[in-house]
Protein backbone atom coordinates (compact mmCIF):
# COMPACT_ATOMS: atom_id res chain seq x y z
CA MET A 1 75.01 -18.15 44.32
CA LYS A 2 75.76 -14.51 44.94
CA VAL A 3 78.90 -13.30 43.42
CA GLY A 4 82.13 -14.49 44.71
CA SER A 5 80.70 -17.04 46.65
CA ASP A 6 82.56 -20.60 46.77
CA ASN A 7 80.47 -22.17 49.57
CA PHE A 8 77.73 -24.09 46.70
CA ARG A 9 78.34 -27.15 48.05
CA GLN A 10 77.22 -26.18 51.59
CA SER A 11 74.46 -23.63 50.07
CA SER A 12 70.88 -23.56 51.82
CA ILE A 13 69.26 -24.22 48.61
CA GLN A 14 70.87 -28.08 48.78
CA GLY A 15 67.91 -28.72 51.34
CA ILE A 16 65.51 -27.23 48.62
CA LEU A 17 67.08 -28.98 45.53
CA LYS A 18 66.53 -32.30 47.74
CA ARG A 19 62.65 -32.00 48.82
CA VAL A 20 61.94 -30.62 45.24
CA LYS A 21 64.06 -33.65 43.79
CA ALA A 22 62.46 -36.21 46.05
CA GLU A 23 58.63 -34.89 44.24
CA GLY A 24 59.71 -36.08 40.78
CA ILE A 25 60.55 -33.03 39.79
CA GLU A 26 63.79 -32.61 37.69
CA VAL A 27 66.30 -29.95 37.95
CA VAL A 28 69.26 -28.19 36.25
CA VAL A 29 71.68 -26.34 38.13
CA PHE A 30 73.14 -22.97 36.67
CA GLU A 31 76.88 -23.11 37.86
CA PRO A 32 78.95 -21.53 35.28
CA GLU A 33 82.33 -22.58 37.52
CA SER A 34 81.04 -26.39 37.35
CA ASN A 35 83.68 -28.80 35.99
CA GLY A 36 81.11 -31.14 36.06
CA GLU A 37 78.46 -32.30 34.24
CA GLU A 38 76.14 -33.03 36.61
CA PHE A 39 75.50 -31.31 40.49
CA PHE A 40 74.14 -33.62 42.91
CA ASN A 41 72.60 -35.61 40.31
CA SER A 42 71.00 -32.95 38.71
CA ARG A 43 72.39 -31.39 35.27
CA VAL A 44 74.51 -28.59 35.41
CA GLU A 45 73.89 -25.42 32.63
CA ARG A 46 76.47 -23.02 32.43
CA ASP A 47 74.56 -20.51 29.89
CA PHE A 48 72.58 -17.84 31.66
CA SER A 49 70.67 -17.00 28.48
CA GLU A 50 69.83 -20.41 28.22
CA PHE A 51 68.86 -21.05 31.47
CA LYS A 52 66.77 -18.42 31.90
CA ASP A 53 64.81 -19.27 29.09
CA ASP A 54 63.93 -23.11 29.54
CA GLU A 55 63.50 -23.35 33.04
CA ASP A 56 60.03 -22.96 34.21
CA ILE A 57 60.78 -22.19 37.95
CA ILE A 58 64.41 -20.83 39.39
CA VAL A 59 64.73 -21.16 43.17
CA ALA A 60 67.81 -18.52 44.13
CA ASN A 61 69.29 -18.12 47.79
CA TRP A 62 69.38 -13.99 45.92
CA MET A 63 67.69 -11.76 43.81
CA ALA A 64 70.41 -10.68 41.69
CA GLY A 65 69.85 -7.73 39.05
CA GLU A 66 70.32 -10.31 35.63
CA LEU A 67 66.94 -11.82 36.98
CA ASN A 68 64.73 -9.14 36.97
CA ASP A 69 63.68 -9.51 33.77
CA ILE A 70 62.24 -12.97 34.88
CA GLU A 71 61.56 -12.30 38.40
CA GLU A 72 57.76 -14.16 37.63
CA LYS A 73 59.70 -17.60 37.00
CA VAL A 74 61.93 -16.79 40.50
CA PHE A 75 61.33 -18.28 44.22
CA THR A 76 63.68 -16.79 47.04
CA HIS A 77 64.51 -16.18 50.58
CA ASP A 78 65.70 -12.84 49.83
CA LEU A 79 62.26 -10.79 50.57
CA PHE A 80 63.54 -7.25 50.45
CA ARG A 81 66.43 -7.91 47.54
CA VAL A 82 68.59 -6.75 49.74
CA ASP A 83 71.72 -9.41 50.13
């Protein structure tokens, strides 16, 4: 999510998550602010380093600088990397 954003429950990424899960693909959600162990019946990961290392594909609303080192794994609609 975008820094400072609190609208992850209404994010456009949710539709993508639902479609991916419908294909039987395991989804892991990175959300350091979450108090729960699951979000939309998907495991929540709070450790960003572990998340980046463990996941094969990362779907993100925005391309954040923290993802530059794994950009080959990142899929986003942020084509121009400008919010």
